[in-house]
């Protein structure tokens, strides 16, 4: 199976995609032969429809939707701001139906509790004038529990879009908590 990969300096979030159908184009000679025209004449839209009977106008031959893709990151990339962003992404995933099914609200509450505990650990560190290593470890532990729950709920209450988006953002936050 082939996989699609993306390398970006931005964090993943919900983004709009557009898809359009495609047909193998005829050569100019094929068009001219089918229409009985010379190279100098420009065929009309109706004439081209005769050459490409399966081709549809773009408004009938395309669609769009939401998927995950690179999004502009919050300025400063401070862990507390990133945790806020992660909480917002989680609620967006719920609103989009990426977190779903009976029990989805319980999954969201459980994920919220882990993010709240991680923020509290960061606040304790900030109150000490510098992020203390123990408090960073506590926040990392809560984010690890968050990722573990994502993995447990993947396919049950989370689709792949929610899973990968939330996991990548949580792992990025952990990387900001760990010393270089």
Protein backbone atom coordinates (compact mmCIF):
# COMPACT_ATOMS: atom_id res chain seq x y z
CA UNK A 1 0.00 0.00 0.00
CA UNK A 2 1.33 3.45 -0.88
CA UNK A 3 1.14 6.14 1.77
CA UNK A 4 0.95 9.88 1.32
CA UNK A 5 3.25 11.96 3.47
CA UNK A 6 3.59 15.66 4.13
CA UNK A 7 6.49 17.49 5.70
CA UNK A 8 5.62 20.92 7.03
CA UNK A 9 6.85 23.43 9.55
CA UNK A 10 3.22 24.04 10.54
CA UNK A 11 1.06 21.97 12.89
CA UNK A 12 -1.88 19.99 11.48
CA UNK A 13 -5.43 21.25 11.78
CA UNK A 14 -8.71 21.12 9.85
CA UNK A 15 -8.34 22.52 6.34
CA UNK A 16 -10.47 22.55 3.19
CA UNK A 17 -9.53 20.35 0.25
CA UNK A 18 -10.73 20.54 -3.35
CA UNK A 19 -10.83 17.64 -5.80
CA UNK A 20 -11.61 17.76 -9.50
CA UNK A 21 -12.13 14.95 -11.96
CA UNK A 22 -9.79 14.40 -14.86
CA UNK A 23 -10.02 12.92 -18.34
CA UNK A 24 -7.25 11.99 -20.75
CA UNK A 25 -7.09 14.96 -23.10
CA UNK A 26 -7.48 14.47 -26.80
CA UNK A 27 -4.73 15.72 -29.06
CA UNK A 28 -5.39 18.74 -31.23
CA UNK A 29 -5.49 16.43 -34.26
CA UNK A 30 -8.16 14.25 -32.62
CA UNK A 31 -10.25 17.31 -31.81
CA UNK A 32 -9.91 18.69 -35.32
CA UNK A 33 -10.78 15.31 -36.88
CA UNK A 34 -13.83 14.82 -34.66
CA UNK A 35 -15.13 18.34 -35.23
CA UNK A 36 -14.02 18.67 -38.84
CA UNK A 37 -12.29 21.94 -37.98
CA UNK A 38 -8.98 23.47 -38.95
CA UNK A 39 -6.29 24.30 -36.38
CA UNK A 40 -7.10 28.00 -36.74
CA UNK A 41 -10.67 27.66 -35.40
CA UNK A 42 -11.38 27.66 -31.66
CA UNK A 43 -14.05 25.09 -30.66
CA UNK A 44 -16.99 26.17 -28.51
CA UNK A 45 -17.84 24.60 -25.15
CA UNK A 46 -20.59 22.55 -26.79
CA UNK A 47 -18.21 21.28 -29.44
CA UNK A 48 -15.66 20.28 -26.80
CA UNK A 49 -18.42 18.44 -24.91
CA UNK A 50 -18.88 16.38 -28.10
CA UNK A 51 -15.15 15.49 -28.05
CA UNK A 52 -15.23 14.74 -24.28
CA UNK A 53 -18.70 13.29 -23.66
CA UNK A 54 -17.74 12.10 -20.15
CA UNK A 55 -16.33 15.48 -19.13
CA UNK A 56 -18.58 17.53 -16.90
CA UNK A 57 -18.48 21.25 -16.14
CA UNK A 58 -16.23 22.02 -13.17
CA UNK A 59 -19.20 22.67 -10.86
CA UNK A 60 -20.39 19.10 -11.55
CA UNK A 61 -16.96 17.50 -11.76
CA UNK A 62 -15.46 18.60 -8.45
CA UNK A 63 -16.12 18.60 -4.73
CA UNK A 64 -14.59 19.89 -1.53
CA UNK A 65 -14.54 18.94 2.11
CA UNK A 66 -12.45 19.06 5.26
CA UNK A 67 -9.35 17.07 6.09
CA UNK A 68 -6.24 17.70 8.14
CA UNK A 69 -3.46 19.81 6.72
CA UNK A 70 -0.83 22.35 7.74
CA UNK A 71 -2.20 25.33 9.66
CA UNK A 72 -0.57 28.51 10.89
CA UNK A 73 0.76 27.89 14.40
CA UNK A 74 0.10 30.21 17.32
CA UNK A 75 2.76 32.84 17.83
CA UNK A 76 5.40 32.14 20.44
CA UNK A 77 4.68 28.41 20.53
CA UNK A 78 4.46 28.46 24.31
CA UNK A 79 3.21 25.17 25.79
CA UNK A 80 0.17 26.76 27.47
CA UNK A 81 -0.97 28.35 24.19
CA UNK A 82 -0.38 25.07 22.40
CA UNK A 83 -2.49 23.23 24.98
CA UNK A 84 -5.30 25.75 24.42
CA UNK A 85 -5.00 25.17 20.68
CA UNK A 86 -5.11 21.39 21.19
CA UNK A 87 -8.28 21.74 23.27
CA UNK A 88 -9.85 23.83 20.50
CA UNK A 89 -8.86 21.30 17.86
CA UNK A 90 -10.43 18.52 19.91
CA UNK A 91 -13.72 20.40 20.08
CA UNK A 92 -13.53 21.16 16.34
CA UNK A 93 -13.05 17.44 15.69
CA UNK A 94 -16.19 16.73 17.73
CA UNK A 95 -18.18 19.39 15.85
CA UNK A 96 -16.99 17.98 12.50
CA UNK A 97 -18.07 14.46 13.46
CA UNK A 98 -14.48 13.21 13.59
CA UNK A 99 -15.15 12.23 17.22
CA UNK A 100 -18.39 10.29 16.98
CA UNK A 101 -20.84 7.73 18.24
CA UNK A 102 -22.53 6.99 21.52
CA UNK A 103 -20.05 7.83 24.24
CA UNK A 104 -18.24 10.50 22.22
CA UNK A 105 -19.06 13.12 24.87
CA UNK A 106 -17.44 10.90 27.51
CA UNK A 107 -14.32 10.54 25.37
CA UNK A 108 -14.15 14.34 24.96
CA UNK A 109 -14.58 14.85 28.73
CA UNK A 110 -11.81 12.35 29.45
CA UNK A 111 -9.48 14.05 26.95
CA UNK A 112 -10.42 17.44 28.45
CA UNK A 113 -9.47 16.19 31.93
CA UNK A 114 -6.00 15.21 30.72
CA UNK A 115 -5.47 18.59 29.05
CA UNK A 116 -6.71 20.41 32.16
CA UNK A 117 -4.26 18.44 34.31
CA UNK A 118 -1.42 19.22 31.88
CA UNK A 119 -2.29 22.94 32.01
CA UNK A 120 -2.38 22.84 35.81
CA UNK A 121 1.09 21.28 35.87
CA UNK A 122 2.37 24.01 33.56
CA UNK A 123 0.76 26.70 35.73
CA UNK A 124 2.51 25.29 38.82
CA UNK A 125 5.82 25.51 36.96
CA UNK A 126 5.10 29.05 35.74
CA UNK A 127 4.22 30.11 39.29
CA UNK A 128 7.75 29.11 40.32
CA UNK A 129 9.14 31.67 37.84
CA UNK A 130 10.49 28.95 35.54
CA UNK A 131 8.97 25.73 34.33
CA UNK A 132 10.22 23.24 36.90
CA UNK A 133 11.34 19.90 35.53
CA UNK A 134 8.91 17.98 37.77
CA UNK A 135 6.00 20.06 36.55
CA UNK A 136 7.07 19.58 32.92
CA UNK A 137 7.27 15.82 33.59
CA UNK A 138 3.74 15.89 35.04
CA UNK A 139 2.47 17.73 31.94
CA UNK A 140 4.30 15.23 29.71
CA UNK A 141 2.66 12.39 31.62
CA UNK A 142 -0.80 13.86 31.07
CA UNK A 143 -0.08 14.33 27.36
CA UNK A 144 1.14 10.72 27.14
CA UNK A 145 -2.15 9.63 28.73
CA UNK A 146 -3.96 11.85 26.18
CA UNK A 147 -2.15 10.11 23.29
CA UNK A 148 -2.82 6.67 24.83
CA UNK A 149 -6.52 7.46 24.94
CA UNK A 150 -6.44 8.64 21.32
CA UNK A 151 -4.90 5.31 20.36
CA UNK A 152 -7.48 3.36 22.37
CA UNK A 153 -10.39 5.28 20.79
CA UNK A 154 -9.09 5.30 17.21
CA UNK A 155 -11.66 3.62 14.99
CA UNK A 156 -14.15 3.40 17.87
CA UNK A 157 -14.90 7.06 18.55
CA UNK A 158 -12.18 8.84 16.54
CA UNK A 159 -11.65 8.72 12.82
CA UNK A 160 -8.14 8.91 11.38
CA UNK A 161 -8.37 12.69 10.81
CA UNK A 162 -9.04 13.33 14.52
CA UNK A 163 -6.49 10.78 15.64
CA UNK A 164 -3.56 12.04 13.56
CA UNK A 165 -4.33 15.74 14.05
CA UNK A 166 -4.63 15.49 17.84
CA UNK A 167 -1.72 13.09 18.24
CA UNK A 168 0.68 15.22 16.16
CA UNK A 169 -0.23 18.34 18.12
CA UNK A 170 0.15 16.57 21.49
CA UNK A 171 3.55 15.15 20.49
CA UNK A 172 4.68 18.61 19.39
CA UNK A 173 3.76 20.03 22.79
CA UNK A 174 5.76 17.27 24.50
CA UNK A 175 8.75 18.21 22.34
CA UNK A 176 8.45 21.80 23.61
CA UNK A 177 8.42 20.61 27.23
CA UNK A 178 11.50 18.44 26.95
CA UNK A 179 14.87 20.12 27.29
CA UNK A 180 17.01 20.16 24.12
